N, C-alpha and C. Protein backbone atom coordinates (compact mmCIF):
# COMPACT_ATOMS: atom_id res chain seq x y z
N MET A 1 -7.16 -6.19 -6.34
CA MET A 1 -7.31 -5.94 -5.00
C MET A 1 -7.23 -7.25 -4.13
N THR A 2 -6.94 -7.18 -2.90
CA THR A 2 -6.55 -8.17 -2.11
C THR A 2 -7.70 -8.74 -1.13
N PHE A 3 -8.92 -8.21 -1.48
CA PHE A 3 -10.07 -8.45 -0.60
C PHE A 3 -10.44 -9.86 -0.58
N THR A 4 -10.71 -10.31 0.63
CA THR A 4 -11.21 -11.66 0.92
C THR A 4 -12.14 -11.48 1.99
N GLN A 5 -13.43 -11.88 1.87
CA GLN A 5 -14.38 -11.64 2.83
C GLN A 5 -14.43 -12.78 3.78
N THR A 6 -14.62 -12.56 5.01
CA THR A 6 -14.68 -13.68 5.88
C THR A 6 -15.85 -14.45 5.72
N GLY A 7 -15.73 -15.72 6.22
CA GLY A 7 -17.03 -16.78 6.14
C GLY A 7 -17.97 -16.44 7.35
N ASP A 8 -17.61 -15.62 8.18
CA ASP A 8 -18.57 -15.40 9.38
C ASP A 8 -19.74 -14.61 9.03
N PRO A 9 -20.89 -15.33 9.12
CA PRO A 9 -22.12 -14.71 8.66
C PRO A 9 -22.63 -13.38 9.40
N THR A 10 -22.03 -13.21 10.67
CA THR A 10 -22.42 -12.13 11.37
C THR A 10 -21.66 -10.92 10.82
N ILE A 11 -20.33 -11.12 10.64
CA ILE A 11 -19.52 -10.12 10.04
C ILE A 11 -20.01 -9.69 8.59
N ARG A 12 -20.45 -10.60 7.86
CA ARG A 12 -20.94 -10.34 6.53
C ARG A 12 -22.20 -9.49 6.55
N LYS A 13 -23.09 -9.93 7.51
CA LYS A 13 -24.41 -9.05 7.70
C LYS A 13 -23.93 -7.61 8.09
N TYR A 14 -22.99 -7.42 9.07
CA TYR A 14 -22.69 -6.04 9.45
C TYR A 14 -22.18 -5.31 8.19
N VAL A 15 -21.20 -5.92 7.39
CA VAL A 15 -20.47 -5.32 6.33
C VAL A 15 -21.64 -4.82 5.34
N GLN A 16 -22.43 -5.80 4.91
CA GLN A 16 -23.44 -5.48 3.92
C GLN A 16 -24.44 -4.43 4.47
N SER A 17 -24.85 -4.46 5.72
CA SER A 17 -25.74 -3.38 6.18
C SER A 17 -25.03 -2.01 6.24
N TRP A 18 -23.70 -1.82 6.52
CA TRP A 18 -22.99 -0.81 6.56
C TRP A 18 -22.89 -0.25 5.10
N GLN A 19 -22.58 -1.13 4.09
CA GLN A 19 -22.42 -0.85 2.70
C GLN A 19 -23.70 -0.24 2.02
N LYS A 20 -24.88 -0.69 2.71
CA LYS A 20 -26.16 -0.30 2.14
C LYS A 20 -26.52 1.16 2.54
N LEU A 21 -25.80 1.78 3.58
CA LEU A 21 -26.13 3.06 3.97
C LEU A 21 -25.65 4.03 2.84
N ASP A 22 -26.32 5.30 2.88
CA ASP A 22 -25.86 6.36 2.13
C ASP A 22 -24.36 6.58 2.47
N VAL A 23 -23.70 7.06 1.42
CA VAL A 23 -22.16 7.38 1.49
C VAL A 23 -21.82 8.13 2.78
N ASP A 24 -22.50 9.21 2.93
CA ASP A 24 -22.12 10.16 3.98
C ASP A 24 -22.58 9.47 5.37
N GLU A 25 -23.47 8.67 5.34
CA GLU A 25 -23.85 7.80 6.71
C GLU A 25 -22.82 6.83 7.02
N GLN A 26 -22.17 6.20 5.91
CA GLN A 26 -21.01 5.31 6.00
C GLN A 26 -19.95 5.97 6.63
N LEU A 27 -19.61 7.15 6.12
CA LEU A 27 -18.50 7.97 6.66
C LEU A 27 -18.73 8.31 8.09
N ALA A 28 -19.98 8.75 8.42
CA ALA A 28 -20.34 9.15 9.80
C ALA A 28 -20.23 7.88 10.70
N LEU A 29 -20.75 6.78 10.22
CA LEU A 29 -20.53 5.62 11.07
C LEU A 29 -19.16 5.28 11.38
N PHE A 30 -18.27 5.35 10.43
CA PHE A 30 -16.86 5.09 10.57
C PHE A 30 -16.21 6.12 11.60
N TRP A 31 -16.66 7.43 11.50
CA TRP A 31 -16.22 8.26 12.42
C TRP A 31 -16.63 7.97 13.93
N PHE A 32 -17.88 7.72 14.05
CA PHE A 32 -18.26 7.29 15.34
C PHE A 32 -17.65 6.07 15.98
N ILE A 33 -17.35 5.18 15.01
CA ILE A 33 -16.67 3.93 15.58
C ILE A 33 -15.26 4.31 15.99
N TYR A 34 -14.57 5.23 15.30
CA TYR A 34 -13.35 5.72 15.64
C TYR A 34 -13.34 6.40 16.91
N LYS A 35 -14.36 7.23 17.10
CA LYS A 35 -14.39 8.20 18.39
C LYS A 35 -14.68 7.18 19.58
N GLU A 36 -15.62 6.21 19.41
CA GLU A 36 -16.00 5.45 20.54
C GLU A 36 -15.06 4.25 20.78
N MET A 37 -14.47 3.65 19.72
CA MET A 37 -13.76 2.49 19.87
C MET A 37 -12.38 2.56 19.46
N GLY A 38 -11.87 3.65 18.99
CA GLY A 38 -10.49 3.90 18.34
C GLY A 38 -9.44 3.34 19.22
N GLY A 39 -9.52 3.69 20.47
CA GLY A 39 -8.43 3.38 21.50
C GLY A 39 -8.14 1.86 21.49
N ALA A 40 -9.18 0.96 21.31
CA ALA A 40 -9.12 -0.39 21.43
C ALA A 40 -8.79 -0.95 20.10
N ILE A 41 -9.17 -0.40 19.04
CA ILE A 41 -9.13 -1.14 17.69
C ILE A 41 -7.92 -0.71 16.96
N THR A 42 -7.52 0.50 17.00
CA THR A 42 -6.47 1.17 16.14
C THR A 42 -5.12 0.62 16.53
N PRO A 43 -4.77 0.17 17.66
CA PRO A 43 -3.37 -0.43 17.78
C PRO A 43 -3.24 -1.71 17.04
N ALA A 44 -4.24 -2.30 16.63
CA ALA A 44 -4.14 -3.59 16.02
C ALA A 44 -3.71 -3.25 14.56
N ALA A 45 -4.12 -2.24 13.94
CA ALA A 45 -3.72 -2.05 12.56
C ALA A 45 -2.20 -1.68 12.34
N PRO A 46 -1.76 -0.60 13.14
CA PRO A 46 -0.33 -0.31 13.03
C PRO A 46 0.67 -1.44 13.28
N GLY A 47 0.10 -2.40 14.15
CA GLY A 47 1.06 -3.42 14.67
C GLY A 47 1.03 -4.74 13.84
N ALA A 48 0.02 -4.74 12.95
CA ALA A 48 -0.10 -6.02 12.24
C ALA A 48 1.06 -6.33 11.22
N SER A 49 1.25 -7.50 11.14
CA SER A 49 2.47 -7.92 10.32
C SER A 49 2.33 -7.62 8.87
N THR A 50 1.22 -7.40 8.31
CA THR A 50 1.03 -7.22 6.84
C THR A 50 0.78 -5.77 6.55
N VAL A 51 0.92 -4.90 7.50
CA VAL A 51 0.69 -3.43 7.29
C VAL A 51 1.95 -2.81 6.81
N SER A 52 1.77 -1.85 5.83
CA SER A 52 2.81 -1.00 5.35
C SER A 52 2.66 0.50 5.75
N PRO A 53 3.20 0.88 6.94
CA PRO A 53 2.92 2.21 7.50
C PRO A 53 3.33 3.26 6.46
N ALA A 54 4.55 3.16 5.90
CA ALA A 54 5.09 4.11 4.97
C ALA A 54 4.19 4.30 3.84
N ILE A 55 3.58 3.30 3.31
CA ILE A 55 2.62 3.42 2.14
C ILE A 55 1.36 4.07 2.59
N ALA A 56 0.78 3.63 3.71
CA ALA A 56 -0.43 4.26 4.14
C ALA A 56 -0.03 5.82 4.40
N GLU A 57 0.89 6.01 5.07
CA GLU A 57 1.39 7.60 5.38
C GLU A 57 1.45 8.29 4.11
N GLY A 58 2.08 7.72 3.13
CA GLY A 58 2.32 8.39 1.79
C GLY A 58 1.02 8.71 1.21
N LEU A 59 0.08 7.92 1.05
CA LEU A 59 -1.18 8.11 0.55
C LEU A 59 -1.90 9.27 1.40
N PHE A 60 -1.81 9.07 2.73
CA PHE A 60 -2.54 10.01 3.55
C PHE A 60 -1.93 11.41 3.40
N ASN A 61 -0.50 11.51 3.14
CA ASN A 61 0.00 12.76 2.94
C ASN A 61 -0.48 13.44 1.69
N GLN A 62 -0.67 12.56 0.61
CA GLN A 62 -1.35 13.20 -0.58
C GLN A 62 -2.62 13.75 -0.34
N VAL A 63 -3.44 13.00 0.50
CA VAL A 63 -4.86 13.51 0.87
C VAL A 63 -4.76 14.86 1.61
N LYS A 64 -3.86 14.89 2.52
CA LYS A 64 -3.58 15.97 3.40
C LYS A 64 -3.35 17.26 2.53
N GLU A 65 -2.73 17.16 1.45
CA GLU A 65 -2.41 18.30 0.63
C GLU A 65 -3.77 18.77 -0.21
N LEU A 66 -4.79 18.10 -0.07
CA LEU A 66 -5.91 18.53 -0.89
C LEU A 66 -6.73 19.52 0.10
N ASN A 67 -7.65 20.34 -0.42
CA ASN A 67 -8.44 21.18 0.35
C ASN A 67 -9.49 20.27 0.90
N HIS A 68 -10.21 20.76 1.95
CA HIS A 68 -11.16 20.07 2.78
C HIS A 68 -12.26 19.51 1.93
N GLU A 69 -12.85 20.25 0.88
CA GLU A 69 -13.82 19.77 -0.01
C GLU A 69 -13.31 18.54 -0.77
N GLN A 70 -12.04 18.63 -1.21
CA GLN A 70 -11.49 17.57 -2.08
C GLN A 70 -11.19 16.27 -1.20
N GLN A 71 -10.89 16.49 0.03
CA GLN A 71 -10.58 15.46 0.98
C GLN A 71 -11.95 14.67 1.16
N LEU A 72 -12.92 15.36 1.42
CA LEU A 72 -14.37 14.70 1.67
C LEU A 72 -14.76 14.03 0.39
N GLN A 73 -14.47 14.67 -0.86
CA GLN A 73 -14.90 13.98 -2.06
C GLN A 73 -14.13 12.70 -2.31
N LEU A 74 -12.82 12.67 -1.93
CA LEU A 74 -11.98 11.57 -1.96
C LEU A 74 -12.51 10.46 -1.11
N GLN A 75 -12.84 10.70 0.10
CA GLN A 75 -13.57 9.67 0.71
C GLN A 75 -14.70 8.99 0.34
N ARG A 76 -15.66 10.03 -0.24
CA ARG A 76 -16.76 9.43 -0.94
C ARG A 76 -16.41 8.53 -2.12
N ASP A 77 -15.42 9.08 -2.90
CA ASP A 77 -15.02 8.34 -3.99
C ASP A 77 -14.49 6.96 -3.67
N LEU A 78 -13.75 6.80 -2.60
CA LEU A 78 -13.30 5.49 -2.35
C LEU A 78 -14.42 4.60 -1.90
N ILE A 79 -15.46 5.06 -1.26
CA ILE A 79 -16.55 4.32 -0.90
C ILE A 79 -17.34 3.83 -2.15
N ARG A 80 -17.41 4.72 -3.11
CA ARG A 80 -18.22 4.55 -4.33
C ARG A 80 -17.30 3.85 -5.37
N ARG A 81 -16.06 3.56 -5.06
CA ARG A 81 -15.14 3.02 -6.04
C ARG A 81 -15.01 3.77 -7.28
N VAL A 82 -14.83 5.01 -7.16
CA VAL A 82 -14.71 5.91 -8.35
C VAL A 82 -13.23 5.78 -8.93
N ASP A 83 -13.06 5.66 -10.23
CA ASP A 83 -11.79 5.44 -10.73
C ASP A 83 -10.98 6.61 -10.89
N ASN A 84 -10.12 7.02 -10.01
CA ASN A 84 -9.20 8.19 -10.23
C ASN A 84 -7.89 7.74 -9.55
N GLN A 85 -6.88 8.55 -9.75
CA GLN A 85 -5.54 8.23 -9.23
C GLN A 85 -5.39 7.71 -7.72
N LEU A 86 -5.87 8.61 -6.93
CA LEU A 86 -5.81 8.27 -5.48
C LEU A 86 -6.66 7.05 -5.24
N SER A 87 -7.79 6.84 -5.88
CA SER A 87 -8.58 5.66 -5.48
C SER A 87 -7.94 4.40 -6.03
N ARG A 88 -7.20 4.51 -7.09
CA ARG A 88 -6.47 3.30 -7.64
C ARG A 88 -5.29 3.00 -6.70
N GLU A 89 -4.56 4.21 -6.22
CA GLU A 89 -3.50 3.93 -5.35
C GLU A 89 -4.10 3.20 -3.98
N TYR A 90 -5.25 3.60 -3.46
CA TYR A 90 -5.79 2.89 -2.36
C TYR A 90 -6.15 1.46 -2.67
N GLY A 91 -6.61 1.34 -3.91
CA GLY A 91 -7.04 0.02 -4.33
C GLY A 91 -5.83 -1.03 -4.36
N SER A 92 -4.65 -0.55 -4.60
CA SER A 92 -3.57 -1.31 -4.68
C SER A 92 -2.91 -1.78 -3.26
N LEU A 93 -3.51 -1.11 -2.22
CA LEU A 93 -2.93 -1.40 -0.79
C LEU A 93 -3.48 -2.78 -0.36
N GLY A 94 -2.75 -3.29 0.54
CA GLY A 94 -3.19 -4.50 1.27
C GLY A 94 -4.37 -4.15 2.32
N ASP A 95 -5.17 -4.98 2.63
CA ASP A 95 -6.31 -4.95 3.48
C ASP A 95 -5.86 -4.18 4.79
N THR A 96 -4.87 -4.68 5.45
CA THR A 96 -4.46 -4.02 6.80
C THR A 96 -3.85 -2.61 6.56
N THR A 97 -3.23 -2.38 5.51
CA THR A 97 -2.69 -1.03 5.16
C THR A 97 -3.81 -0.10 4.88
N LYS A 98 -4.95 -0.55 4.16
CA LYS A 98 -6.10 0.16 4.00
C LYS A 98 -6.82 0.57 5.39
N LEU A 99 -6.84 -0.28 6.24
CA LEU A 99 -7.48 -0.01 7.57
C LEU A 99 -6.57 0.96 8.28
N LEU A 100 -5.23 0.90 8.17
CA LEU A 100 -4.29 1.94 8.74
C LEU A 100 -4.53 3.31 8.19
N PHE A 101 -4.70 3.32 6.79
CA PHE A 101 -4.96 4.53 6.11
C PHE A 101 -6.19 5.30 6.58
N TRP A 102 -7.36 4.48 6.85
CA TRP A 102 -8.60 5.05 7.42
C TRP A 102 -8.31 5.57 8.89
N TYR A 103 -7.53 4.87 9.67
CA TYR A 103 -7.19 5.32 10.90
C TYR A 103 -6.44 6.59 10.75
N LEU A 104 -5.55 6.84 9.88
CA LEU A 104 -4.80 8.02 9.74
C LEU A 104 -5.79 9.15 9.27
N LEU A 105 -6.67 8.84 8.45
CA LEU A 105 -7.65 9.85 8.15
C LEU A 105 -8.45 10.39 9.39
N SER A 106 -8.80 9.36 10.22
CA SER A 106 -9.73 9.75 11.46
C SER A 106 -8.76 10.50 12.43
N GLN A 107 -7.61 10.22 12.52
CA GLN A 107 -6.70 11.14 13.29
C GLN A 107 -6.54 12.49 12.79
N GLY A 108 -6.48 12.58 11.38
CA GLY A 108 -6.37 13.90 10.73
C GLY A 108 -7.69 14.69 10.87
N MET A 109 -8.73 13.98 10.89
CA MET A 109 -10.08 14.68 11.14
C MET A 109 -10.18 15.24 12.51
N GLU A 110 -9.42 14.50 13.50
CA GLU A 110 -9.55 14.99 14.77
C GLU A 110 -8.77 16.24 14.98
N ASN A 111 -7.67 16.20 14.38
CA ASN A 111 -6.77 17.38 14.44
C ASN A 111 -6.91 18.50 13.27
N ALA A 112 -7.95 18.25 12.56
CA ALA A 112 -8.22 19.14 11.46
C ALA A 112 -7.32 19.26 10.27
N THR A 113 -6.46 18.39 10.16
CA THR A 113 -5.66 18.28 8.94
C THR A 113 -6.46 17.70 7.79
N ILE A 114 -7.44 16.89 8.18
CA ILE A 114 -8.43 16.40 7.25
C ILE A 114 -9.78 17.06 7.63
N VAL A 115 -10.48 17.20 6.62
CA VAL A 115 -11.86 17.81 6.78
C VAL A 115 -12.45 17.32 8.08
N PRO A 116 -12.82 18.20 9.07
CA PRO A 116 -13.32 17.77 10.31
C PRO A 116 -14.74 17.36 10.23
N PHE A 117 -15.13 16.37 11.11
CA PHE A 117 -16.51 16.04 11.32
C PHE A 117 -17.41 17.06 11.66
N PRO A 118 -18.61 17.24 11.10
CA PRO A 118 -19.54 18.37 11.48
C PRO A 118 -19.87 18.24 13.00
N ALA A 119 -19.69 19.35 13.71
CA ALA A 119 -19.97 19.40 15.14
C ALA A 119 -21.49 19.32 15.41
N GLY A 120 -21.85 18.58 16.39
CA GLY A 120 -23.22 18.34 16.66
C GLY A 120 -24.01 17.27 15.90
N TYR A 121 -23.31 16.57 14.99
CA TYR A 121 -23.94 15.64 14.12
C TYR A 121 -24.33 14.43 14.92
N THR A 122 -25.38 13.85 14.68
CA THR A 122 -25.81 12.53 15.32
C THR A 122 -26.15 11.56 14.31
N LEU A 123 -26.00 10.31 14.59
CA LEU A 123 -26.28 9.31 13.59
C LEU A 123 -27.77 9.07 13.55
N SER A 124 -28.33 8.78 12.39
CA SER A 124 -29.70 8.39 12.40
C SER A 124 -29.93 6.95 12.92
N SER A 125 -31.07 6.50 12.96
CA SER A 125 -31.38 5.24 13.71
C SER A 125 -30.70 3.95 13.17
N GLU A 126 -30.60 3.92 11.92
CA GLU A 126 -30.00 2.72 11.29
C GLU A 126 -28.47 2.61 11.60
N PRO A 127 -27.55 3.62 11.32
CA PRO A 127 -26.32 3.55 11.62
C PRO A 127 -26.06 3.47 13.12
N GLN A 128 -26.94 4.13 13.90
CA GLN A 128 -26.70 3.96 15.45
C GLN A 128 -26.97 2.61 15.82
N GLU A 129 -27.91 1.78 15.32
CA GLU A 129 -28.15 0.49 15.62
C GLU A 129 -26.89 -0.37 15.19
N LEU A 130 -26.42 -0.03 14.08
CA LEU A 130 -25.18 -0.79 13.56
C LEU A 130 -24.03 -0.53 14.54
N LEU A 131 -23.78 0.71 15.01
CA LEU A 131 -22.76 1.10 15.81
C LEU A 131 -22.85 0.20 17.21
N GLU A 132 -24.10 0.23 17.68
CA GLU A 132 -24.36 -0.63 19.04
C GLU A 132 -23.96 -2.08 18.73
N GLY A 133 -24.47 -2.63 17.67
CA GLY A 133 -24.12 -4.01 17.35
C GLY A 133 -22.68 -4.29 17.16
N ILE A 134 -21.97 -3.39 16.60
CA ILE A 134 -20.41 -3.55 16.29
C ILE A 134 -19.84 -3.45 17.72
N LYS A 135 -20.18 -2.52 18.56
CA LYS A 135 -19.61 -2.46 19.97
C LYS A 135 -19.82 -3.73 20.73
N GLY A 136 -20.84 -4.50 20.40
CA GLY A 136 -21.04 -5.85 21.02
C GLY A 136 -20.26 -6.97 20.58
N LEU A 137 -19.60 -6.75 19.42
CA LEU A 137 -18.73 -7.90 18.91
C LEU A 137 -17.46 -7.99 19.72
N GLY A 138 -16.90 -9.11 19.48
CA GLY A 138 -15.59 -9.39 20.01
C GLY A 138 -14.39 -8.69 19.32
N PHE A 139 -13.38 -8.36 19.88
CA PHE A 139 -12.26 -7.66 19.29
C PHE A 139 -11.77 -8.22 18.01
N GLU A 140 -11.53 -9.45 17.87
CA GLU A 140 -11.19 -10.06 16.68
C GLU A 140 -12.25 -9.89 15.50
N GLN A 141 -13.56 -10.07 15.88
CA GLN A 141 -14.59 -9.95 14.96
C GLN A 141 -14.65 -8.39 14.53
N GLN A 142 -14.42 -7.44 15.36
CA GLN A 142 -14.41 -6.07 15.03
C GLN A 142 -13.34 -5.75 14.04
N ILE A 143 -12.18 -6.22 14.17
CA ILE A 143 -11.05 -6.06 13.33
C ILE A 143 -11.42 -6.66 11.92
N THR A 144 -11.94 -7.86 11.86
CA THR A 144 -12.30 -8.47 10.62
C THR A 144 -13.32 -7.64 9.99
N LEU A 145 -14.24 -7.13 10.66
CA LEU A 145 -15.32 -6.36 10.15
C LEU A 145 -14.78 -5.17 9.45
N PHE A 146 -13.86 -4.54 10.14
CA PHE A 146 -13.38 -3.27 9.59
C PHE A 146 -12.54 -3.51 8.30
N ARG A 147 -11.76 -4.62 8.38
CA ARG A 147 -10.94 -4.97 7.17
C ARG A 147 -11.92 -5.27 6.02
N ASP A 148 -12.84 -6.10 6.36
CA ASP A 148 -13.90 -6.55 5.27
C ASP A 148 -14.59 -5.25 4.64
N TYR A 149 -14.87 -4.27 5.64
CA TYR A 149 -15.47 -3.09 4.99
C TYR A 149 -14.53 -2.16 4.13
N VAL A 150 -13.31 -1.89 4.61
CA VAL A 150 -12.42 -1.06 3.85
C VAL A 150 -11.80 -1.69 2.58
N SER A 151 -11.72 -3.04 2.68
CA SER A 151 -11.03 -3.72 1.52
C SER A 151 -11.61 -3.52 0.16
N PRO A 152 -12.87 -3.68 -0.14
CA PRO A 152 -13.31 -3.45 -1.48
C PRO A 152 -13.41 -2.04 -1.98
N MET A 153 -13.11 -1.13 -1.06
CA MET A 153 -13.13 0.35 -1.46
C MET A 153 -12.06 0.66 -2.62
N GLY A 154 -12.18 1.82 -3.26
CA GLY A 154 -11.26 2.22 -4.13
C GLY A 154 -11.49 1.57 -5.50
N ALA A 155 -10.53 1.82 -6.46
CA ALA A 155 -10.57 1.28 -7.75
C ALA A 155 -9.43 0.48 -7.98
N GLU A 156 -9.65 -0.55 -8.93
CA GLU A 156 -8.52 -1.38 -9.25
C GLU A 156 -7.31 -0.62 -9.75
N ALA A 157 -6.12 -1.08 -9.30
CA ALA A 157 -4.95 -0.42 -9.85
C ALA A 157 -4.66 -0.94 -11.26
N LYS A 158 -4.06 0.03 -12.06
CA LYS A 158 -3.86 -0.24 -13.45
C LYS A 158 -2.39 -0.61 -13.63
N ALA A 159 -2.14 -1.41 -14.66
CA ALA A 159 -0.89 -1.92 -15.02
C ALA A 159 0.09 -0.80 -15.43
N GLY A 160 1.30 -0.90 -15.04
CA GLY A 160 2.39 -0.02 -15.54
C GLY A 160 2.23 1.42 -15.02
N ALA A 161 2.48 2.39 -15.79
CA ALA A 161 2.52 3.74 -15.44
C ALA A 161 1.19 4.44 -15.17
N GLU A 162 0.10 3.66 -15.42
CA GLU A 162 -1.28 4.19 -15.25
C GLU A 162 -1.70 4.01 -13.79
N ILE A 163 -0.85 3.60 -12.86
CA ILE A 163 -1.33 3.45 -11.52
C ILE A 163 -1.76 4.84 -11.11
């Protein structure tokens, strides 16, 4: 994995707090971030010099072929670092490509090609506090936070044909 965590203690605090949430709360927080801040943040991922759009889209297309239950399970598996083929493929991506992959998932959730977010869902107090804090960070800090959050997800890629 290409994960390198920032030295910024504020970012580390947010990432660690996010990772301590229940898996479904982590996914919910990510969805709310996309809904409230996606317009400002997402252009940075596709335009970054280290992103591989074709690779992110290829993995996204594989996920899109799964049924909604399997799509949700895959997202949970990524967070839990479960060792399966798609999780290993994700684990082999660069950090910015991982961020783009999650952006594509969010777009897919919005247009229902990916399991849609439950209507009427509200964040519990802890993820809501995190969301408010994240919204108060500067743009560069937000991007670094998101990269640091998505980077360690997935499983280690295996050598050779076992990828």
